[in-house]
Amino acid sequence: MSFIANNIASKGEISQMENIRTTTRVGGKLLTLEHINGESWDKIISSFDGACQEQLYIFAKNRWPKVGLEPVLFFENGEVVGGALVLVQALPLNLASLAILKWGPLLKDHTRFDKKEIYDACVETLLKEYDVKRKMMVSILARAALQEVNNEFEYLLERGFKKGSQLRFPNRYFVNLRQNDEELLASFAQKWRYHLKKSFKADLHFEQASCDRIEEFKLLYNQMSGRKKFPDHSAFEDTIDALMAIIDDGLRPELFFVRHKKEIVSGAVIFKTGDTAVYLYGATSDKALGLRAGYFIHYHIIRWLRDNTKAKYYDLGGTDGFQGLHQFKKGMVGTKGVIALVPPVANYSSKFMPLLFGRFAFFTRDLILSIKHFLSSFRSDIAKPDQKRDKNGY
């Protein structure tokens, strides 16, 4: 069955693939959950305001190849209103299973007046499917909120979810894309603006590149990794080829380069789908620092996203604990953007045993990660995080 991403509206268009699984009434909302296949899922969410790379099937199956992936859509009165890519992880000895959502559930339309009610109903429908019917612990990592209160995370706590693991450095940095050039320059921090103006005099050239040039970016990325000695916890090696091979132009990330004369000195891979674009991967050469190429490429990416996408914000990601990255991204966010916290994972099960084993599994994982971080502090071949951990937050 073929799908046109911008015109998916009717339950009947996909109901031939799977039977309807779960229907839940929450207040005035009656939602139906339906399972679909991964290829169809990626096509459909390309029209979602809430689309993000973590919820792409093609991303997840390469990032977590041993985890079960279950894309589900939510319908209200036959219309798609949301969805979620659920990662199903069985624990050893089949003691229990976890249903994990990273940055989900997604909403199709963020401009709807009832989007909070839709989100709440999506969560309830997920709980009916995975907690009540299938006796799993449900674990949701909500997205960072651009407003002061994270309504999605607050609802999870009100519903009885318990706080779980949290990132060691949970800040994410969002640039406001809906500014003209004059407003944009004025919004940058003074020092950031100073370095940007220096880059304008360095004979640099910005270009949008075709996806078949990804090998040039990979070469630059590997050179940078060896030079900076940053520990790479990203999904780059696992996912970059699959992402750049996506046929749908609207869903495939964009590749950008900056040249100095004929030499590529900086590059970036940007996820542009939905109302928040995301800086996935970046790379620089030895010459980039002196040329201020990092300032130059981000300034032009911001302008390109503003003029060529519906995105309202540009998510620069986190810092992994490096103070230099914090200062760079904070300066780019400036006075019109937002620095927001990624909330802790929220865990729920109405059954004692899935909750017990699920929380123990996360505790064990976190303990192993803490030991790895401790041991890495003695290594001389990688850079050490130097950013102070923020005591504020959840």
Protein backbone atom coordinates (compact mmCIF):
# COMPACT_ATOMS: atom_id res chain seq x y z
CA MET A 1 0.00 0.00 0.00
CA SER A 2 1.37 3.43 -0.89
CA PHE A 3 1.16 6.52 1.31
CA ILE A 4 1.34 10.22 0.58
CA ALA A 5 2.81 11.72 3.73
CA ASN A 6 0.98 15.03 3.56
CA ASN A 7 -2.41 13.44 2.99
CA ILE A 8 -2.56 10.65 5.54
CA ALA A 9 -5.81 11.29 7.39
CA SER A 10 -8.12 8.31 7.28
CA LYS A 11 -7.94 5.14 9.34
CA GLY A 12 -9.21 3.23 6.36
CA GLU A 13 -6.04 3.97 4.39
CA ILE A 14 -3.92 1.78 6.61
CA SER A 15 -6.33 -0.56 8.39
CA GLN A 16 -5.71 -3.30 5.82
CA MET A 17 -2.18 -3.73 7.21
CA GLU A 18 -3.02 -4.53 10.82
CA ASN A 19 -6.12 -5.03 12.90
CA ILE A 20 -7.19 -2.30 15.29
CA ARG A 21 -5.57 -3.11 18.62
CA THR A 22 -6.65 -0.75 21.39
CA THR A 23 -9.35 1.87 21.90
CA THR A 24 -9.38 4.18 24.92
CA ARG A 25 -11.63 7.02 26.06
CA VAL A 26 -9.94 9.76 28.07
CA GLY A 27 -12.24 12.65 28.98
CA GLY A 28 -13.71 13.84 25.69
CA LYS A 29 -11.13 11.96 23.59
CA LEU A 30 -11.71 8.52 22.10
CA LEU A 31 -8.46 7.26 20.55
CA THR A 32 -7.72 4.08 18.67
CA LEU A 33 -4.20 2.63 18.53
CA GLU A 34 -3.15 0.70 15.44
CA HIS A 35 0.14 -1.06 14.68
CA ILE A 36 1.74 -0.43 11.27
CA ASN A 37 4.97 -1.43 9.57
CA GLY A 38 8.20 0.55 9.82
CA GLU A 39 8.42 1.77 6.24
CA SER A 40 4.91 3.19 6.38
CA TRP A 41 5.62 4.74 9.77
CA ASP A 42 8.54 6.81 8.49
CA LYS A 43 6.50 8.06 5.52
CA ILE A 44 3.59 9.09 7.70
CA ILE A 45 5.50 10.95 10.42
CA SER A 46 7.31 13.04 7.82
CA SER A 47 4.19 15.25 7.98
CA PHE A 48 4.12 15.41 11.81
CA ASP A 49 5.04 18.62 13.60
CA GLY A 50 6.57 16.44 16.30
CA ALA A 51 8.76 14.37 13.94
CA CYS A 52 12.25 13.69 15.30
CA GLN A 53 15.12 11.41 14.33
CA GLU A 54 14.89 9.31 17.51
CA GLN A 55 11.42 8.21 16.43
CA LEU A 56 12.41 7.22 12.89
CA TYR A 57 12.20 3.49 12.20
CA ILE A 58 15.23 3.61 9.90
CA PHE A 59 17.24 5.31 12.67
CA ALA A 60 16.09 3.02 15.49
CA LYS A 61 16.60 -0.28 13.69
CA ASN A 62 20.23 0.62 13.00
CA ARG A 63 20.85 2.21 16.40
CA TRP A 64 19.28 -0.62 18.43
CA PRO A 65 19.27 -3.68 16.14
CA LYS A 66 18.46 -6.18 18.91
CA VAL A 67 15.39 -4.35 20.22
CA GLY A 68 11.86 -4.98 18.97
CA LEU A 69 10.35 -1.97 17.18
CA GLU A 70 6.60 -1.35 17.15
CA PRO A 71 5.33 1.75 15.33
CA VAL A 72 1.77 2.67 16.36
CA LEU A 73 -0.62 5.39 15.20
CA PHE A 74 -3.39 7.08 17.18
CA PHE A 75 -6.70 7.93 15.50
CA GLU A 76 -9.52 10.21 16.62
CA ASN A 77 -12.69 9.93 14.52
CA GLY A 78 -10.68 8.23 11.77
CA GLU A 79 -8.02 10.95 11.62
CA VAL A 80 -4.36 10.42 12.55
CA VAL A 81 -3.55 12.70 15.49
CA GLY A 82 -0.34 11.15 16.83
CA GLY A 83 1.95 8.16 16.95
CA ALA A 84 4.85 6.49 18.70
CA LEU A 85 7.73 4.21 17.85
CA VAL A 86 7.82 1.85 20.82
CA LEU A 87 11.03 -0.04 21.59
CA VAL A 88 10.20 -3.39 23.21
CA GLN A 89 13.07 -4.78 25.26
CA ALA A 90 12.81 -8.21 26.88
CA LEU A 91 14.85 -8.57 30.07
CA PRO A 92 17.12 -11.61 30.68
CA LEU A 93 15.35 -14.88 31.47
CA ASN A 94 12.13 -13.25 30.22
CA LEU A 95 11.55 -11.87 33.71
CA ALA A 96 9.73 -8.88 32.22
CA SER A 97 9.64 -6.63 29.19
CA LEU A 98 9.99 -2.88 28.80
CA ALA A 99 8.08 -0.63 26.39
CA ILE A 100 10.37 2.36 25.81
CA LEU A 101 9.56 5.65 24.06
CA LYS A 102 12.29 8.14 23.29
CA TRP A 103 10.86 11.63 22.67
CA GLY A 104 7.38 10.26 22.13
CA PRO A 105 4.50 10.01 21.69
CA LEU A 106 4.55 12.38 18.71
CA LEU A 107 1.71 14.72 17.80
CA LYS A 108 0.78 15.44 14.21
CA ASP A 109 -0.32 19.05 14.74
CA HIS A 110 1.24 21.24 17.44
CA THR A 111 -1.07 24.15 16.61
CA ARG A 112 -4.27 22.38 17.75
CA PHE A 113 -5.97 23.95 20.75
CA ASP A 114 -6.47 20.50 22.28
CA LYS A 115 -2.92 19.18 21.80
CA LYS A 116 -2.44 18.61 25.55
CA GLU A 117 -5.61 16.50 25.70
CA ILE A 118 -4.43 14.52 22.67
CA TYR A 119 -1.01 13.88 24.25
CA ASP A 120 -2.63 12.75 27.50
CA ALA A 121 -4.97 10.41 25.61
CA CYS A 122 -2.05 8.97 23.62
CA VAL A 123 -0.28 8.12 26.87
CA GLU A 124 -3.40 6.49 28.29
CA THR A 125 -3.86 4.42 25.14
CA LEU A 126 -0.23 3.30 25.29
CA LEU A 127 -0.70 2.26 28.91
CA LYS A 128 -3.78 0.23 28.05
CA GLU A 129 -1.86 -1.56 25.28
CA TYR A 130 1.50 -2.14 26.94
CA ASP A 131 0.82 -2.01 30.69
CA VAL A 132 -2.68 -3.46 31.03
CA LYS A 133 -2.85 -5.88 28.09
CA ARG A 134 0.79 -6.89 27.75
CA LYS A 135 2.01 -6.39 31.34
CA MET A 136 5.13 -4.36 30.49
CA MET A 137 6.76 -1.46 32.30
CA VAL A 138 6.29 1.66 30.19
CA SER A 139 9.29 4.01 30.09
CA ILE A 140 8.95 7.43 28.45
CA LEU A 141 11.69 10.00 27.84
CA ALA A 142 9.79 13.23 27.17
CA ARG A 143 11.29 15.96 25.04
CA ALA A 144 12.72 19.16 26.47
CA ALA A 145 10.02 21.84 26.63
CA LEU A 146 10.49 25.29 25.13
CA GLN A 147 8.11 26.83 27.63
CA GLU A 148 8.75 27.19 31.38
CA VAL A 149 6.62 24.19 32.35
CA ASN A 150 7.07 20.83 30.62
CA ASN A 151 3.41 19.86 30.37
CA GLU A 152 4.14 16.42 28.96
CA PHE A 153 6.48 15.45 31.79
CA GLU A 154 4.14 16.96 34.38
CA TYR A 155 1.28 14.84 33.06
CA LEU A 156 3.39 11.70 33.35
CA LEU A 157 4.11 12.49 37.02
CA GLU A 158 0.43 13.23 37.70
CA ARG A 159 -0.49 9.92 36.07
CA GLY A 160 1.75 8.02 38.49
CA PHE A 161 4.97 7.66 36.50
CA LYS A 162 8.09 7.73 38.66
CA LYS A 163 11.29 9.62 37.88
CA GLY A 164 14.07 7.40 36.61
CA SER A 165 17.43 7.97 34.93
CA GLN A 166 18.50 11.46 33.93
CA LEU A 167 21.24 12.68 31.62
CA ARG A 168 24.37 13.86 33.44
CA PHE A 169 24.23 17.10 31.43
CA PRO A 170 20.56 17.53 30.48
CA ASN A 171 20.67 21.01 28.86
CA ARG A 172 19.59 21.32 25.24
CA TYR A 173 20.06 24.49 23.24
CA PHE A 174 17.38 25.88 20.89
CA VAL A 175 17.88 28.71 18.40
CA ASN A 176 14.80 30.70 17.38
CA LEU A 177 14.58 30.38 13.58
CA ARG A 178 11.80 32.90 13.06
CA GLN A 179 13.98 36.01 12.99
CA ASN A 180 15.12 38.14 10.08
CA ASP A 181 18.84 38.67 9.52
CA GLU A 182 18.99 41.86 11.56
CA GLU A 183 17.12 40.30 14.50
CA LEU A 184 19.24 37.17 14.31
CA LEU A 185 22.53 39.03 14.51
CA ALA A 186 21.25 41.13 17.39
CA SER A 187 20.15 38.03 19.31
CA PHE A 188 23.59 36.39 19.38
CA ALA A 189 25.80 36.94 22.40
CA GLN A 190 28.30 39.74 21.85
CA LYS A 191 31.34 37.46 21.72
CA TRP A 192 29.56 35.03 19.38
CA ARG A 193 28.64 37.89 17.06
CA TYR A 194 32.25 39.13 17.15
CA HIS A 195 33.61 35.75 15.98
CA LEU A 196 30.91 35.50 13.31
CA LYS A 197 31.86 38.86 11.84
CA LYS A 198 35.50 37.73 11.79
CA SER A 199 34.43 34.66 9.78
CA PHE A 200 32.81 36.89 7.14
CA LYS A 201 36.30 38.20 6.30
CA ALA A 202 37.93 34.75 6.02
CA ASP A 203 36.97 33.92 2.41
CA LEU A 204 34.60 31.13 3.47
CA HIS A 205 31.86 29.71 1.25
CA PHE A 206 28.70 27.89 2.43
CA GLU A 207 27.10 25.17 0.30
CA GLN A 208 24.25 22.71 0.46
CA ALA A 209 25.56 19.31 -0.67
CA SER A 210 23.87 16.26 -2.17
CA CYS A 211 23.54 13.14 -0.04
CA ASP A 212 25.96 11.19 -2.24
CA ARG A 213 28.78 13.31 -0.83
CA ILE A 214 28.43 11.86 2.66
CA GLU A 215 31.82 10.11 2.34
CA GLU A 216 33.49 13.55 2.31
CA PHE A 217 31.75 14.36 5.57
CA LYS A 218 32.68 11.01 7.13
CA LEU A 219 36.33 11.62 6.32
CA LEU A 220 36.18 15.05 7.97
CA TYR A 221 34.30 13.63 10.98
CA ASN A 222 36.86 10.88 11.58
CA GLN A 223 39.74 13.35 11.31
CA MET A 224 38.05 15.61 13.86
CA SER A 225 37.37 12.76 16.29
CA GLY A 226 41.02 11.80 16.27
CA ARG A 227 42.11 15.39 16.79
CA LYS A 228 39.72 16.50 19.54
CA LYS A 229 39.75 13.19 21.44
CA PHE A 230 36.10 13.61 22.41
CA PRO A 231 34.48 10.30 23.42
CA ASP A 232 31.87 9.63 20.72
CA HIS A 233 28.61 8.48 22.30
CA SER A 234 26.59 9.38 19.21
CA ALA A 235 24.83 7.10 16.75
CA PHE A 236 27.01 8.32 13.88
CA GLU A 237 28.64 5.06 12.80
CA ASP A 238 25.43 3.06 13.17
CA THR A 239 22.98 5.37 11.46
CA ILE A 240 24.56 7.87 9.08
CA ASP A 241 24.49 5.69 5.94
CA ALA A 242 20.88 4.64 6.48
CA LEU A 243 19.73 8.20 7.16
CA MET A 244 21.40 9.62 4.06
CA ALA A 245 19.95 6.81 1.93
CA ILE A 246 16.34 7.82 2.74
CA ILE A 247 14.52 8.37 -0.57
CA ASP A 248 12.02 10.93 0.73
CA ASP A 249 13.65 14.37 0.34
CA GLY A 250 11.48 15.80 3.11
CA LEU A 251 12.62 13.19 5.62
CA ARG A 252 16.27 12.75 4.63
CA PRO A 253 18.71 14.97 6.60
CA GLU A 254 20.49 17.80 4.82
CA LEU A 255 24.26 17.94 4.33
CA PHE A 256 26.12 21.25 4.41
CA PHE A 257 29.77 22.20 3.90
CA VAL A 258 31.92 25.28 4.33
CA ARG A 259 34.92 25.70 2.08
CA HIS A 260 38.02 27.83 2.45
CA LYS A 261 39.22 28.31 -1.10
CA LYS A 262 38.91 24.73 -2.41
CA GLU A 263 39.27 22.90 0.89
CA ILE A 264 36.33 21.70 3.00
CA VAL A 265 36.89 22.95 6.55
CA SER A 266 33.50 22.32 8.17
CA GLY A 267 30.42 20.18 7.64
CA ALA A 268 27.08 19.41 9.28
CA VAL A 269 24.22 16.92 8.98
CA ILE A 270 20.85 18.44 9.91
CA PHE A 271 17.48 16.77 10.53
CA LYS A 272 14.94 19.25 9.15
CA THR A 273 11.56 17.47 9.44
CA GLY A 274 8.91 18.76 11.85
CA ASP A 275 8.74 22.08 13.66
CA THR A 276 12.13 21.60 15.35
CA ALA A 277 15.22 21.01 13.22
CA VAL A 278 18.09 19.11 14.86
CA TYR A 279 21.87 19.37 14.58
CA LEU A 280 22.73 15.69 14.24
CA TYR A 281 26.46 15.64 13.46
CA GLY A 282 29.17 18.20 12.82
CA ALA A 283 32.82 18.07 11.80
CA THR A 284 35.69 20.51 11.34
CA SER A 285 39.24 20.43 9.99
CA ASP A 286 42.42 21.69 11.68
CA LYS A 287 42.02 25.06 9.97
CA ALA A 288 38.41 25.62 11.03
CA LEU A 289 39.12 27.13 14.45
CA GLY A 290 41.29 29.96 13.19
CA LEU A 291 38.84 30.68 10.37
CA ARG A 292 35.84 30.66 12.76
CA ALA A 293 34.19 28.20 10.38
CA GLY A 294 31.93 26.82 13.12
CA TYR A 295 30.29 30.22 13.54
CA PHE A 296 29.99 30.66 9.79
CA ILE A 297 28.33 27.32 9.07
CA HIS A 298 25.78 27.56 11.87
CA TYR A 299 24.78 31.10 10.91
CA HIS A 300 24.08 29.98 7.35
CA ILE A 301 22.32 26.79 8.48
CA ILE A 302 20.00 28.88 10.64
CA ARG A 303 19.15 31.12 7.67
CA TRP A 304 18.69 28.11 5.34
CA LEU A 305 16.32 26.40 7.79
CA ARG A 306 14.34 29.62 8.25
CA ASP A 307 13.92 30.09 4.49
CA ASN A 308 13.41 26.47 3.40
CA THR A 309 11.55 24.63 6.16
CA LYS A 310 8.61 25.07 8.51
CA ALA A 311 10.85 24.60 11.56
CA LYS A 312 10.47 27.18 14.30
CA TYR A 313 13.52 26.17 16.33
CA TYR A 314 16.95 24.66 15.69
CA ASP A 315 17.96 22.13 18.35
CA LEU A 316 21.73 22.19 18.83
CA GLY A 317 21.74 19.16 21.11
CA GLY A 318 23.72 18.93 24.33
CA THR A 319 27.33 19.32 25.41
CA ASP A 320 28.40 15.96 26.91
CA GLY A 321 29.89 18.04 29.70
CA PHE A 322 32.33 20.22 27.73
CA GLN A 323 32.41 23.86 28.80
CA GLY A 324 33.62 25.09 25.41
CA LEU A 325 30.57 23.59 23.70
CA HIS A 326 28.32 25.10 26.35
CA GLN A 327 29.71 28.60 25.75
CA PHE A 328 29.50 28.22 21.95
CA LYS A 329 25.91 26.98 21.96
CA LYS A 330 24.75 29.39 24.67
CA GLY A 331 26.09 32.29 22.62
CA MET A 332 24.28 31.08 19.51
CA VAL A 333 20.99 30.64 21.39
CA GLY A 334 21.36 34.24 22.50
CA THR A 335 18.49 36.35 23.76
CA LYS A 336 15.70 34.89 21.59
CA GLY A 337 16.36 31.18 21.98
CA VAL A 338 15.85 28.72 24.82
CA ILE A 339 18.10 26.53 26.95
CA ALA A 340 15.87 23.74 28.24
CA LEU A 341 16.31 20.62 30.34
CA VAL A 342 15.64 17.11 29.08
CA PRO A 343 13.54 15.62 31.90
CA PRO A 344 14.33 12.30 33.56
CA VAL A 345 12.97 9.06 32.13
CA ALA A 346 9.48 8.42 33.51
CA ASN A 347 8.59 4.80 34.40
CA TYR A 348 5.21 3.21 35.05
CA SER A 349 3.67 -0.19 35.62
CA SER A 350 0.49 -1.13 37.43
CA LYS A 351 2.01 -4.56 38.10
CA PHE A 352 4.60 -5.05 40.83
CA MET A 353 6.96 -7.50 39.10
CA PRO A 354 7.40 -5.63 35.77
CA LEU A 355 8.02 -2.44 37.77
CA LEU A 356 10.54 -4.13 40.06
CA PHE A 357 12.52 -5.82 37.30
CA GLY A 358 12.28 -2.82 34.97
CA ARG A 359 13.60 -0.36 37.54
CA PHE A 360 16.36 -2.78 38.50
CA ALA A 361 17.37 -3.06 34.83
CA PHE A 362 17.70 0.73 34.57
CA PHE A 363 19.58 0.86 37.88
CA THR A 364 22.05 -1.73 36.60
CA ARG A 365 22.53 0.12 33.32
CA ASP A 366 23.12 3.42 35.11
CA LEU A 367 25.61 1.80 37.46
CA ILE A 368 27.58 0.36 34.54
CA LEU A 369 27.60 3.77 32.81
CA SER A 370 28.82 5.45 36.01
CA ILE A 371 31.66 2.95 36.29
CA LYS A 372 32.61 3.56 32.65
CA HIS A 373 32.63 7.33 33.21
CA PHE A 374 34.80 6.87 36.29
CA LEU A 375 37.29 4.62 34.51
CA SER A 376 37.45 6.94 31.48
CA SER A 377 38.62 9.76 33.76
CA PHE A 378 41.97 7.93 34.06
CA ARG A 379 42.49 7.66 30.30
CA SER A 380 44.89 10.05 28.63
CA ASP A 381 43.68 9.42 25.08
CA ILE A 382 40.27 11.11 25.40
CA ALA A 383 39.16 14.58 26.45
CA LYS A 384 37.66 14.99 29.94
CA PRO A 385 34.34 16.76 30.56
CA ASP A 386 34.97 20.10 32.28
CA GLN A 387 31.49 21.63 32.52
CA LYS A 388 30.01 22.10 35.97
CA ARG A 389 26.85 20.10 36.46
CA ASP A 390 23.77 22.28 36.97
CA LYS A 391 22.12 21.64 40.33
CA ASN A 392 18.84 23.04 39.06
CA GLY A 393 16.34 20.86 37.27
CA TYR A 394 14.04 17.96 37.98
